[in-house]
N, C-alpha and C. Protein backbone atom coordinates (compact mmCIF):
# COMPACT_ATOMS: atom_id res chain seq x y z
N ALA A 1 0.65 45.34 25.95
CA ALA A 1 -0.76 45.29 26.28
C ALA A 1 -1.61 45.57 25.05
N GLN A 2 -1.15 46.46 24.18
CA GLN A 2 -1.91 46.78 22.98
C GLN A 2 -2.03 45.56 22.07
N ALA A 3 -0.94 44.81 21.91
CA ALA A 3 -0.99 43.62 21.07
C ALA A 3 -1.92 42.58 21.68
N THR A 4 -1.93 42.45 23.00
CA THR A 4 -2.82 41.50 23.65
C THR A 4 -4.27 41.89 23.42
N LEU A 5 -4.57 43.18 23.47
CA LEU A 5 -5.92 43.65 23.19
C LEU A 5 -6.29 43.35 21.74
N ALA A 6 -5.36 43.58 20.82
CA ALA A 6 -5.63 43.29 19.42
C ALA A 6 -5.88 41.80 19.23
N GLN A 7 -5.11 40.97 19.90
CA GLN A 7 -5.28 39.54 19.81
C GLN A 7 -6.65 39.13 20.35
N SER A 8 -7.05 39.68 21.48
CA SER A 8 -8.35 39.36 22.08
C SER A 8 -9.49 39.76 21.14
N ARG A 9 -9.37 40.93 20.54
CA ARG A 9 -10.40 41.38 19.60
C ARG A 9 -10.48 40.45 18.40
N TRP A 10 -9.31 40.02 17.90
CA TRP A 10 -9.28 39.13 16.74
C TRP A 10 -10.03 37.85 17.06
N PHE A 11 -9.70 37.20 18.16
CA PHE A 11 -10.32 35.92 18.49
C PHE A 11 -11.80 36.08 18.81
N ALA A 12 -12.21 37.21 19.38
CA ALA A 12 -13.62 37.44 19.66
C ALA A 12 -14.40 37.58 18.36
N GLU A 13 -13.79 38.25 17.38
CA GLU A 13 -14.47 38.52 16.11
C GLU A 13 -14.38 37.34 15.14
N PHE A 14 -13.25 36.64 15.14
CA PHE A 14 -13.00 35.58 14.16
C PHE A 14 -12.46 34.33 14.84
N PRO A 15 -13.26 33.64 15.64
CA PRO A 15 -12.75 32.50 16.40
C PRO A 15 -12.28 31.34 15.54
N CYS A 16 -12.73 31.24 14.31
CA CYS A 16 -12.37 30.09 13.48
C CYS A 16 -11.40 30.45 12.36
N VAL A 17 -10.86 31.65 12.39
CA VAL A 17 -9.96 32.10 11.33
C VAL A 17 -8.58 32.31 11.92
N GLU A 18 -7.58 31.82 11.21
CA GLU A 18 -6.21 31.99 11.68
C GLU A 18 -5.88 33.47 11.78
N PRO A 19 -5.30 33.89 12.90
CA PRO A 19 -4.95 35.30 13.04
C PRO A 19 -3.82 35.68 12.10
N PRO A 20 -3.74 36.96 11.72
CA PRO A 20 -2.66 37.39 10.83
C PRO A 20 -1.30 37.27 11.51
N TYR A 21 -0.29 37.39 10.70
CA TYR A 21 1.08 37.16 11.16
C TYR A 21 1.44 37.95 12.41
N PHE A 22 1.07 39.25 12.47
CA PHE A 22 1.48 40.04 13.62
C PHE A 22 0.89 39.52 14.92
N LEU A 23 -0.23 38.83 14.85
CA LEU A 23 -0.78 38.23 16.07
C LEU A 23 -0.17 36.85 16.34
N ARG A 24 0.18 36.11 15.26
CA ARG A 24 0.79 34.81 15.46
C ARG A 24 2.18 34.94 16.07
N SER A 25 2.81 36.08 15.88
CA SER A 25 4.18 36.24 16.36
C SER A 25 4.24 36.79 17.78
N MET A 26 3.16 36.71 18.52
CA MET A 26 3.14 37.23 19.89
C MET A 26 4.22 36.61 20.76
N ALA A 27 4.56 35.35 20.51
CA ALA A 27 5.57 34.69 21.35
C ALA A 27 6.93 35.36 21.20
N THR A 28 7.17 36.00 20.07
CA THR A 28 8.45 36.68 19.90
C THR A 28 8.44 38.07 20.50
N VAL A 29 7.26 38.64 20.70
CA VAL A 29 7.14 39.96 21.30
C VAL A 29 7.07 39.86 22.82
N PHE A 30 6.30 38.92 23.31
CA PHE A 30 6.14 38.70 24.74
C PHE A 30 6.57 37.28 25.07
N PRO A 31 7.88 37.03 25.16
CA PRO A 31 8.35 35.66 25.37
C PRO A 31 7.79 35.04 26.65
N ALA A 32 7.51 33.77 26.57
CA ALA A 32 7.03 33.00 27.71
C ALA A 32 7.74 31.65 27.70
N ASP A 33 7.98 31.11 28.87
CA ASP A 33 8.62 29.81 28.97
C ASP A 33 7.65 28.67 28.68
N GLN A 34 6.36 28.92 28.91
CA GLN A 34 5.36 27.86 28.76
C GLN A 34 4.10 28.44 28.13
N ALA A 35 3.39 27.59 27.40
CA ALA A 35 2.12 28.02 26.83
C ALA A 35 1.18 26.83 26.76
N ILE A 36 -0.08 27.09 27.01
CA ILE A 36 -1.13 26.10 26.79
C ILE A 36 -1.86 26.57 25.55
N ILE A 37 -1.89 25.73 24.54
CA ILE A 37 -2.52 26.08 23.27
C ILE A 37 -3.76 25.22 23.11
N VAL A 38 -4.88 25.88 22.91
CA VAL A 38 -6.15 25.19 22.76
C VAL A 38 -6.50 25.16 21.28
N GLY A 39 -6.53 23.96 20.73
CA GLY A 39 -6.88 23.78 19.33
C GLY A 39 -5.68 23.33 18.53
N GLY A 40 -5.83 22.23 17.83
CA GLY A 40 -4.74 21.67 17.04
C GLY A 40 -4.91 21.87 15.56
N GLY A 41 -5.62 22.93 15.19
CA GLY A 41 -5.74 23.26 13.78
C GLY A 41 -4.51 24.04 13.32
N LEU A 42 -4.61 24.62 12.17
CA LEU A 42 -3.49 25.34 11.59
C LEU A 42 -3.00 26.46 12.50
N ALA A 43 -3.91 27.21 13.07
CA ALA A 43 -3.52 28.31 13.97
C ALA A 43 -2.84 27.79 15.22
N GLY A 44 -3.41 26.74 15.83
CA GLY A 44 -2.83 26.19 17.04
C GLY A 44 -1.46 25.59 16.82
N VAL A 45 -1.31 24.84 15.74
CA VAL A 45 -0.01 24.23 15.44
C VAL A 45 1.01 25.31 15.09
N SER A 46 0.58 26.36 14.40
CA SER A 46 1.49 27.47 14.09
C SER A 46 1.94 28.16 15.37
N ALA A 47 1.01 28.36 16.30
CA ALA A 47 1.36 28.98 17.58
C ALA A 47 2.32 28.08 18.35
N ALA A 48 2.04 26.79 18.38
CA ALA A 48 2.91 25.85 19.09
C ALA A 48 4.31 25.88 18.50
N ASN A 49 4.40 25.89 17.19
CA ASN A 49 5.70 25.93 16.53
C ASN A 49 6.47 27.20 16.90
N THR A 50 5.79 28.33 16.94
CA THR A 50 6.45 29.59 17.28
C THR A 50 6.99 29.57 18.70
N VAL A 51 6.21 29.04 19.63
CA VAL A 51 6.68 28.95 21.02
C VAL A 51 7.88 28.02 21.11
N LEU A 52 7.80 26.86 20.44
CA LEU A 52 8.91 25.91 20.48
C LEU A 52 10.18 26.50 19.85
N GLU A 53 10.02 27.25 18.77
CA GLU A 53 11.17 27.89 18.13
C GLU A 53 11.85 28.90 19.06
N ASN A 54 11.11 29.41 20.02
CA ASN A 54 11.65 30.37 20.97
C ASN A 54 11.99 29.70 22.30
N ASN A 55 12.28 28.40 22.21
CA ASN A 55 12.74 27.60 23.36
C ASN A 55 11.71 27.50 24.48
N GLY A 56 10.45 27.62 24.16
CA GLY A 56 9.40 27.47 25.16
C GLY A 56 8.91 26.03 25.20
N LYS A 57 8.05 25.77 26.15
CA LYS A 57 7.41 24.46 26.29
C LYS A 57 5.93 24.66 26.07
N ILE A 58 5.31 23.68 25.45
CA ILE A 58 3.89 23.81 25.15
C ILE A 58 3.12 22.57 25.60
N VAL A 59 1.85 22.81 25.86
CA VAL A 59 0.86 21.74 25.98
C VAL A 59 -0.21 22.13 24.99
N LEU A 60 -0.47 21.25 24.03
CA LEU A 60 -1.48 21.51 23.03
C LEU A 60 -2.65 20.57 23.29
N VAL A 61 -3.85 21.12 23.44
CA VAL A 61 -5.04 20.30 23.67
C VAL A 61 -6.03 20.54 22.54
N ASP A 62 -6.71 19.48 22.17
CA ASP A 62 -7.70 19.56 21.11
C ASP A 62 -8.88 18.69 21.49
N LYS A 63 -10.07 19.06 21.07
CA LYS A 63 -11.25 18.28 21.42
C LYS A 63 -11.34 16.96 20.65
N SER A 64 -10.58 16.86 19.57
CA SER A 64 -10.61 15.64 18.76
C SER A 64 -9.48 14.71 19.15
N SER A 65 -9.55 13.49 18.65
CA SER A 65 -8.49 12.52 18.91
C SER A 65 -7.30 12.72 17.97
N PHE A 66 -7.42 13.67 17.04
CA PHE A 66 -6.33 13.98 16.12
C PHE A 66 -6.31 15.49 15.90
N CYS A 67 -5.16 15.99 15.52
CA CYS A 67 -5.04 17.43 15.25
C CYS A 67 -5.43 17.72 13.81
N GLY A 68 -5.76 18.95 13.57
CA GLY A 68 -6.12 19.37 12.22
C GLY A 68 -7.23 20.40 12.22
N GLY A 69 -8.17 20.25 13.14
CA GLY A 69 -9.27 21.21 13.24
C GLY A 69 -9.98 21.43 11.92
N ASN A 70 -10.51 22.62 11.74
CA ASN A 70 -11.22 22.96 10.51
C ASN A 70 -10.28 23.03 9.31
N SER A 71 -8.98 23.14 9.58
CA SER A 71 -8.02 23.19 8.49
C SER A 71 -8.05 21.91 7.65
N THR A 72 -8.43 20.79 8.25
CA THR A 72 -8.51 19.54 7.49
C THR A 72 -9.66 19.56 6.49
N LYS A 73 -10.59 20.49 6.68
CA LYS A 73 -11.73 20.59 5.77
C LYS A 73 -11.47 21.57 4.63
N ALA A 74 -10.31 22.21 4.64
CA ALA A 74 -9.98 23.20 3.62
C ALA A 74 -9.46 22.50 2.37
N THR A 75 -10.33 21.70 1.74
CA THR A 75 -9.91 20.89 0.60
C THR A 75 -9.60 21.73 -0.64
N SER A 76 -10.10 22.95 -0.68
CA SER A 76 -9.82 23.80 -1.84
C SER A 76 -8.55 24.62 -1.64
N GLY A 77 -7.87 24.43 -0.53
CA GLY A 77 -6.60 25.12 -0.31
C GLY A 77 -6.70 26.24 0.68
N ILE A 78 -5.63 27.00 0.73
CA ILE A 78 -5.54 28.15 1.62
C ILE A 78 -5.38 29.38 0.73
N ASN A 79 -6.24 30.35 0.93
CA ASN A 79 -6.19 31.54 0.09
C ASN A 79 -5.02 32.43 0.43
N GLY A 80 -4.40 32.95 -0.60
CA GLY A 80 -3.30 33.89 -0.44
C GLY A 80 -3.01 34.56 -1.77
N ALA A 81 -2.56 35.79 -1.71
CA ALA A 81 -2.26 36.54 -2.93
C ALA A 81 -0.78 36.87 -2.98
N ALA A 82 -0.25 36.81 -4.19
CA ALA A 82 1.14 37.18 -4.45
C ALA A 82 2.11 36.29 -3.67
N THR A 83 1.84 34.99 -3.67
CA THR A 83 2.73 34.05 -2.99
C THR A 83 3.92 33.71 -3.89
N LYS A 84 4.94 33.12 -3.29
CA LYS A 84 6.12 32.70 -4.07
C LYS A 84 5.71 31.66 -5.12
N THR A 85 4.84 30.75 -4.73
CA THR A 85 4.40 29.71 -5.67
C THR A 85 3.69 30.31 -6.86
N GLN A 86 2.83 31.31 -6.62
CA GLN A 86 2.13 31.96 -7.73
C GLN A 86 3.13 32.64 -8.66
N LYS A 87 4.13 33.27 -8.10
CA LYS A 87 5.14 33.96 -8.92
C LYS A 87 5.91 32.95 -9.77
N VAL A 88 6.32 31.82 -9.16
CA VAL A 88 7.06 30.79 -9.89
C VAL A 88 6.23 30.22 -11.03
N LYS A 89 4.93 30.04 -10.78
CA LYS A 89 4.04 29.45 -11.79
C LYS A 89 3.50 30.48 -12.78
N GLY A 90 3.90 31.74 -12.62
CA GLY A 90 3.46 32.78 -13.55
C GLY A 90 2.01 33.19 -13.38
N ILE A 91 1.47 32.98 -12.20
CA ILE A 91 0.07 33.35 -11.92
C ILE A 91 0.03 34.82 -11.53
N ASP A 92 -0.69 35.59 -12.31
CA ASP A 92 -0.80 37.02 -12.08
C ASP A 92 -1.87 37.28 -11.02
N ASP A 93 -1.45 37.58 -9.82
CA ASP A 93 -2.37 37.83 -8.72
C ASP A 93 -1.82 39.00 -7.91
N SER A 94 -2.69 39.61 -7.15
CA SER A 94 -2.25 40.74 -6.32
C SER A 94 -3.13 40.83 -5.08
N VAL A 95 -2.62 41.54 -4.10
CA VAL A 95 -3.39 41.78 -2.88
C VAL A 95 -4.65 42.54 -3.23
N GLU A 96 -4.55 43.48 -4.16
CA GLU A 96 -5.71 44.27 -4.55
C GLU A 96 -6.81 43.38 -5.15
N LEU A 97 -6.45 42.46 -6.04
CA LEU A 97 -7.46 41.54 -6.61
C LEU A 97 -8.09 40.67 -5.53
N PHE A 98 -7.26 40.14 -4.64
CA PHE A 98 -7.76 39.29 -3.56
C PHE A 98 -8.69 40.07 -2.64
N THR A 99 -8.31 41.29 -2.32
CA THR A 99 -9.14 42.15 -1.46
C THR A 99 -10.48 42.41 -2.12
N ASN A 100 -10.47 42.77 -3.39
CA ASN A 100 -11.71 43.05 -4.11
C ASN A 100 -12.61 41.82 -4.18
N ASP A 101 -12.02 40.65 -4.46
CA ASP A 101 -12.81 39.41 -4.51
C ASP A 101 -13.43 39.09 -3.16
N THR A 102 -12.66 39.30 -2.10
CA THR A 102 -13.15 39.01 -0.75
C THR A 102 -14.29 39.95 -0.38
N LEU A 103 -14.16 41.21 -0.72
CA LEU A 103 -15.23 42.17 -0.44
C LEU A 103 -16.48 41.85 -1.26
N LYS A 104 -16.29 41.44 -2.51
CA LYS A 104 -17.44 41.05 -3.35
C LYS A 104 -18.14 39.83 -2.77
N GLY A 105 -17.38 38.98 -2.09
CA GLY A 105 -17.93 37.76 -1.50
C GLY A 105 -18.79 38.01 -0.28
N GLY A 106 -18.84 39.26 0.19
CA GLY A 106 -19.73 39.59 1.28
C GLY A 106 -19.07 39.94 2.60
N ALA A 107 -17.77 40.12 2.61
CA ALA A 107 -17.09 40.50 3.86
C ALA A 107 -17.65 41.82 4.35
N LYS A 108 -17.88 41.90 5.64
CA LYS A 108 -18.53 43.07 6.22
C LYS A 108 -17.59 44.12 6.80
N LYS A 109 -16.32 43.76 6.98
CA LYS A 109 -15.37 44.69 7.61
C LYS A 109 -14.17 44.89 6.71
N PRO A 110 -14.21 45.91 5.86
CA PRO A 110 -13.11 46.14 4.90
C PRO A 110 -11.75 46.30 5.57
N GLU A 111 -11.69 46.87 6.75
CA GLU A 111 -10.40 47.06 7.42
C GLU A 111 -9.77 45.71 7.79
N VAL A 112 -10.61 44.74 8.14
CA VAL A 112 -10.11 43.40 8.47
C VAL A 112 -9.70 42.68 7.19
N VAL A 113 -10.49 42.84 6.15
CA VAL A 113 -10.18 42.22 4.85
C VAL A 113 -8.82 42.71 4.36
N LYS A 114 -8.55 43.99 4.50
CA LYS A 114 -7.26 44.53 4.05
C LYS A 114 -6.10 43.89 4.80
N VAL A 115 -6.26 43.66 6.09
CA VAL A 115 -5.19 43.02 6.88
C VAL A 115 -5.03 41.56 6.44
N LEU A 116 -6.14 40.83 6.37
CA LEU A 116 -6.07 39.42 5.99
C LEU A 116 -5.46 39.24 4.60
N CYS A 117 -5.96 39.99 3.64
CA CYS A 117 -5.47 39.85 2.28
C CYS A 117 -4.04 40.39 2.15
N GLY A 118 -3.76 41.47 2.82
CA GLY A 118 -2.43 42.07 2.75
C GLY A 118 -1.35 41.18 3.31
N ASN A 119 -1.66 40.40 4.32
CA ASN A 119 -0.68 39.50 4.94
C ASN A 119 -0.71 38.09 4.35
N SER A 120 -1.68 37.80 3.52
CA SER A 120 -1.92 36.42 3.08
C SER A 120 -0.75 35.80 2.35
N GLY A 121 -0.11 36.52 1.46
CA GLY A 121 1.00 35.96 0.70
C GLY A 121 2.15 35.55 1.60
N ALA A 122 2.55 36.45 2.48
CA ALA A 122 3.65 36.15 3.41
C ALA A 122 3.26 35.02 4.36
N ASP A 123 2.00 34.98 4.77
CA ASP A 123 1.55 33.92 5.68
C ASP A 123 1.58 32.55 4.99
N VAL A 124 1.11 32.49 3.76
CA VAL A 124 1.14 31.22 3.02
C VAL A 124 2.59 30.81 2.77
N ASP A 125 3.43 31.76 2.38
CA ASP A 125 4.85 31.45 2.16
C ASP A 125 5.50 30.92 3.44
N TRP A 126 5.13 31.49 4.59
CA TRP A 126 5.67 31.03 5.88
C TRP A 126 5.28 29.57 6.11
N LEU A 127 4.02 29.24 5.86
CA LEU A 127 3.57 27.85 6.05
C LEU A 127 4.33 26.90 5.13
N VAL A 128 4.47 27.28 3.88
CA VAL A 128 5.17 26.44 2.91
C VAL A 128 6.62 26.23 3.33
N ASP A 129 7.28 27.32 3.68
CA ASP A 129 8.70 27.26 4.06
C ASP A 129 8.91 26.55 5.39
N LYS A 130 8.13 26.90 6.39
CA LYS A 130 8.33 26.38 7.74
C LYS A 130 8.01 24.90 7.86
N PHE A 131 6.93 24.47 7.19
CA PHE A 131 6.46 23.10 7.35
C PHE A 131 6.67 22.25 6.09
N ASN A 132 7.38 22.82 5.12
CA ASN A 132 7.68 22.10 3.88
C ASN A 132 6.40 21.57 3.22
N LEU A 133 5.40 22.44 3.15
CA LEU A 133 4.12 22.06 2.56
C LEU A 133 4.11 22.29 1.06
N ASP A 134 3.38 21.48 0.35
CA ASP A 134 3.15 21.69 -1.06
C ASP A 134 1.72 22.19 -1.23
N LEU A 135 1.57 23.48 -1.38
CA LEU A 135 0.24 24.07 -1.55
C LEU A 135 0.03 24.53 -3.00
N SER A 136 0.80 23.97 -3.91
CA SER A 136 0.73 24.42 -5.31
C SER A 136 -0.49 23.92 -6.03
């Protein structure tokens, strides 16, 4: 119940932002045989993938005739700190730098920024590994 409350708070506060990993993994904590997923953007497709990986069935609905959501507009990439790709390319980055930059950019809730930035590297690595994406 606590995770469900956290998930509800996340979506109420940030309806257009992909939830952090601990919320995306709800299907592994509270298994379900079926799920209806609303939205075919990065968060929706990630959720659908997680349910399918756990032998569930999904129905994914989107208001558009194609999936992608706002993620298709992210032409500058997906932000993440200390990713595997950055390490391979010798890019010196850290969660601390990313957190500071995000706070300087005007973020109003430092506790949320710490979670987003702290999980960002692992989340980007998950996307790259799971979906064979080239985000370099």
